[in-house]
Amino acid sequence: MTQLALEQEAPTTAPSRPAGAGPLVVGLDLALSTTGVAGPGWTDNIRTGKLSGAERLHTIASTAATFYRSADLVVLEGAAFSRALQRGHDELAALRWLVRIDLWRRKIPFAVVPPDNRTIYATGKARWKGETPRQVKGRVRDAVAERYSVECAGTARYDEADAYILVTMGRDWLGYSLAEVPPTHARALAGVLWPDQPVPAAR
């Protein structure tokens, strides 16, 4: 999908669910500079450019809502606690809660996936000996292309790939898997904070 530039008008309609396609699951890899967004068969991103502070948070949260407002389930990437001292941690935490509160208000079920679980579901391991975090992100992107035939390119490729794996995890949990994954990968589903409320479209 093309990059969503903030100077352009936000989408006027949310991604739709093709007939017989199962529940609409949207994945969000929330970040202050580039947020990855995905749904079954597509990826996109939200870039904030030079925005900062409240304006940046509002822009990300409100634009993300245009993607998930018709979703049956939203899957969010959780915090990386090993990076608790990272720059912007407080602002990023605020962004996560802005989105969660909006989902709660809209009564849209959501799940929170720890970053390691996302990587395990994609590659079978959380870490690969001798590889940098960027190289591991490349493995996630490659898994999205090879297993689901979705190509993530450009500067937001890793963010979009992460978001797509969140979608596949949500679909798998609902019983509408987009592709078969081995037990070494599927074990990652057990460590996710799945919603208690039912997902109507999955009944």
Protein backbone atom coordinates (compact mmCIF):
# COMPACT_ATOMS: atom_id res chain seq x y z
CA MET A 1 0.00 0.00 0.00
CA THR A 2 1.11 3.56 -0.45
CA GLN A 3 2.43 5.57 2.47
CA LEU A 4 -0.18 7.68 4.25
CA ALA A 5 1.34 11.18 4.25
CA LEU A 6 -0.02 13.40 6.97
CA GLU A 7 -0.30 16.38 4.68
CA GLN A 8 -2.80 14.36 2.64
CA GLU A 9 -6.40 13.83 3.65
CA ALA A 10 -6.96 10.83 5.94
CA PRO A 11 -8.99 7.90 4.58
CA THR A 12 -12.72 8.63 4.53
CA THR A 13 -13.68 4.98 4.84
CA ALA A 14 -12.21 2.23 6.96
CA PRO A 15 -10.84 -0.93 5.30
CA SER A 16 -13.75 -3.23 4.49
CA ARG A 17 -14.22 -6.96 4.96
CA PRO A 18 -14.67 -8.91 1.71
CA ALA A 19 -17.56 -11.37 1.71
CA GLY A 20 -16.55 -14.68 3.28
CA ALA A 21 -13.18 -13.34 4.40
CA GLY A 22 -13.80 -13.83 8.12
CA PRO A 23 -13.29 -11.27 10.91
CA LEU A 24 -11.57 -7.99 10.09
CA VAL A 25 -8.41 -7.87 12.20
CA VAL A 26 -6.25 -4.74 12.18
CA GLY A 27 -2.68 -4.69 13.51
CA LEU A 28 -0.99 -1.59 14.92
CA ASP A 29 2.72 -1.24 15.60
CA LEU A 30 2.44 2.12 17.34
CA ALA A 31 5.46 4.44 17.31
CA LEU A 32 6.09 8.18 17.49
CA SER A 33 7.77 8.55 14.09
CA THR A 34 6.36 5.70 11.97
CA THR A 35 3.38 3.56 12.94
CA GLY A 36 2.83 0.35 11.02
CA VAL A 37 -0.77 -0.54 10.16
CA ALA A 38 -2.03 -3.74 8.56
CA GLY A 39 -5.04 -5.88 7.78
CA PRO A 40 -5.50 -9.15 5.87
CA GLY A 41 -3.64 -8.73 2.58
CA TRP A 42 -2.48 -5.12 3.02
CA THR A 43 -0.11 -2.86 4.96
CA ASP A 44 0.25 0.89 5.38
CA ASN A 45 1.90 3.36 7.71
CA ILE A 46 1.41 6.68 9.49
CA ARG A 47 4.33 9.13 9.41
CA THR A 48 4.48 12.13 11.73
CA GLY A 49 7.29 14.16 10.14
CA LYS A 50 8.14 17.21 12.25
CA LEU A 51 5.09 17.01 14.51
CA SER A 52 5.70 16.73 18.25
CA GLY A 53 3.93 16.66 21.60
CA ALA A 54 0.15 16.60 21.81
CA GLU A 55 -0.27 17.36 18.11
CA ARG A 56 1.78 14.30 17.19
CA LEU A 57 -0.12 12.00 19.56
CA HIS A 58 -3.49 13.28 18.37
CA THR A 59 -2.51 12.85 14.73
CA ILE A 60 -1.34 9.26 15.16
CA ALA A 61 -4.32 8.23 17.29
CA SER A 62 -6.94 9.88 15.09
CA THR A 63 -5.41 8.56 11.86
CA ALA A 64 -5.09 5.04 13.29
CA ALA A 65 -8.80 5.16 14.12
CA THR A 66 -9.65 5.61 10.43
CA PHE A 67 -8.13 2.17 9.83
CA TYR A 68 -9.70 0.28 12.74
CA ARG A 69 -13.13 1.87 13.21
CA SER A 70 -14.83 -1.07 11.45
CA ALA A 71 -12.53 -3.77 12.86
CA ASP A 72 -13.73 -6.82 14.73
CA LEU A 73 -10.43 -7.12 16.59
CA VAL A 74 -7.39 -4.84 16.88
CA VAL A 75 -4.01 -6.30 17.81
CA LEU A 76 -1.49 -3.89 19.32
CA GLU A 77 2.21 -4.35 19.90
CA GLY A 78 2.97 -3.93 23.58
CA ALA A 79 5.82 -2.14 25.30
CA ALA A 80 9.41 -3.37 25.09
CA PHE A 81 10.24 -3.21 28.78
CA SER A 82 13.92 -3.89 28.09
CA ARG A 83 13.96 -0.40 26.55
CA ALA A 84 12.22 1.30 29.46
CA LEU A 85 14.69 4.20 29.44
CA GLN A 86 14.35 4.93 25.74
CA ARG A 87 13.83 8.51 24.64
CA GLY A 88 10.15 9.33 24.31
CA HIS A 89 9.04 6.39 26.46
CA ASP A 90 6.51 8.49 28.38
CA GLU A 91 5.02 9.93 25.19
CA LEU A 92 4.83 6.50 23.57
CA ALA A 93 3.05 5.09 26.62
CA ALA A 94 0.54 7.93 26.36
CA LEU A 95 -0.05 7.08 22.69
CA ARG A 96 -0.72 3.44 23.50
CA TRP A 97 -3.29 4.41 26.08
CA LEU A 98 -4.96 6.97 23.83
CA VAL A 99 -5.58 4.20 21.32
CA ARG A 100 -6.68 1.67 23.96
CA ILE A 101 -9.16 4.12 25.45
CA ASP A 102 -10.58 4.87 22.02
CA LEU A 103 -10.97 1.16 21.31
CA TRP A 104 -12.68 0.70 24.68
CA ARG A 105 -15.00 3.60 23.91
CA ARG A 106 -15.90 2.10 20.53
CA LYS A 107 -16.36 -1.34 22.13
CA ILE A 108 -13.81 -2.88 19.75
CA PRO A 109 -12.00 -5.86 21.32
CA PHE A 110 -8.22 -5.55 21.35
CA ALA A 111 -5.20 -7.67 22.21
CA VAL A 112 -1.70 -6.67 23.33
CA VAL A 113 1.24 -8.67 21.98
CA PRO A 114 4.70 -8.49 23.63
CA PRO A 115 7.38 -7.71 21.00
CA ASP A 116 9.16 -11.03 21.62
CA ASN A 117 5.96 -12.96 20.96
CA ARG A 118 5.49 -11.17 17.66
CA THR A 119 9.00 -12.16 16.59
CA ILE A 120 8.55 -15.76 17.76
CA TYR A 121 5.32 -16.10 15.79
CA ALA A 122 7.07 -14.81 12.66
CA THR A 123 10.44 -16.56 12.94
CA GLY A 124 10.24 -19.23 15.65
CA LYS A 125 12.62 -17.39 18.01
CA ALA A 126 12.71 -14.09 19.84
CA ARG A 127 16.42 -13.59 19.19
CA TRP A 128 18.95 -14.97 16.73
CA LYS A 129 22.52 -15.43 17.95
CA GLY A 130 24.95 -13.04 16.33
CA GLU A 131 22.25 -10.97 14.61
CA THR A 132 21.40 -7.35 15.30
CA PRO A 133 17.83 -6.25 16.09
CA ARG A 134 17.63 -4.83 12.56
CA GLN A 135 18.58 -8.17 11.07
CA VAL A 136 15.92 -9.91 13.13
CA LYS A 137 13.39 -7.36 11.90
CA GLY A 138 14.48 -8.32 8.40
CA ARG A 139 13.60 -11.92 9.24
CA VAL A 140 10.10 -10.80 10.27
CA ARG A 141 9.69 -8.89 7.01
CA ASP A 142 10.91 -11.92 5.04
CA ALA A 143 8.43 -14.17 6.85
CA VAL A 144 5.57 -11.85 5.89
CA ALA A 145 6.62 -12.01 2.23
CA GLU A 146 7.27 -15.75 2.11
CA ARG A 147 4.38 -17.05 4.22
CA TYR A 148 1.67 -14.52 3.35
CA SER A 149 2.84 -13.11 -0.02
CA VAL A 150 2.70 -9.56 1.32
CA GLU A 151 5.68 -7.42 0.36
CA CYS A 152 6.69 -4.64 2.77
CA ALA A 153 9.02 -2.13 1.14
CA GLY A 154 10.33 1.37 1.74
CA THR A 155 11.43 3.11 4.92
CA ALA A 156 8.45 1.75 6.91
CA ARG A 157 8.94 -1.87 5.80
CA TYR A 158 9.80 -3.22 9.25
CA ASP A 159 6.96 -1.38 10.96
CA GLU A 160 4.46 -2.62 8.38
CA ALA A 161 5.78 -6.18 8.63
CA ASP A 162 5.46 -6.11 12.41
CA ALA A 163 1.87 -4.89 12.08
CA TYR A 164 1.08 -7.66 9.61
CA ILE A 165 2.34 -10.36 11.97
CA LEU A 166 0.02 -8.92 14.63
CA VAL A 167 -2.86 -9.38 12.19
CA THR A 168 -1.91 -13.00 11.52
CA MET A 169 -1.71 -13.72 15.24
CA GLY A 170 -5.17 -12.26 15.80
CA ARG A 171 -6.66 -14.23 12.93
CA ASP A 172 -5.02 -17.43 14.19
CA TRP A 173 -6.39 -16.88 17.71
CA LEU A 174 -9.88 -16.39 16.28
CA GLY A 175 -9.63 -19.61 14.26
CA TYR A 176 -9.27 -17.92 10.86
CA SER A 177 -5.56 -18.46 10.25
CA LEU A 178 -4.11 -16.83 7.13
CA ALA A 179 -1.45 -19.55 6.84
CA GLU A 180 -0.32 -22.58 8.78
CA VAL A 181 2.58 -22.00 11.18
CA PRO A 182 4.62 -24.66 13.00
CA PRO A 183 4.26 -25.22 16.77
CA THR A 184 7.60 -23.46 17.35
CA HIS A 185 5.94 -20.30 16.07
CA ALA A 186 2.35 -20.79 17.25
CA ARG A 187 3.51 -21.09 20.87
CA ALA A 188 3.76 -17.29 20.86
CA LEU A 189 -0.04 -17.03 21.01
CA ALA A 190 -0.01 -18.24 24.62
CA GLY A 191 1.80 -15.15 25.91
CA VAL A 192 -0.62 -12.60 24.47
CA LEU A 193 -3.13 -10.57 26.47
CA TRP A 194 -6.25 -11.54 24.51
CA PRO A 195 -9.57 -9.76 25.12
CA ASP A 196 -12.15 -11.18 27.49
CA GLN A 197 -15.04 -9.75 25.49
CA PRO A 198 -16.36 -11.81 22.56
CA VAL A 199 -15.56 -10.97 18.97
CA PRO A 200 -19.03 -11.02 17.33
CA ALA A 201 -17.88 -11.70 13.75
CA ALA A 202 -15.99 -14.81 14.95
CA ARG A 203 -19.01 -16.54 16.50
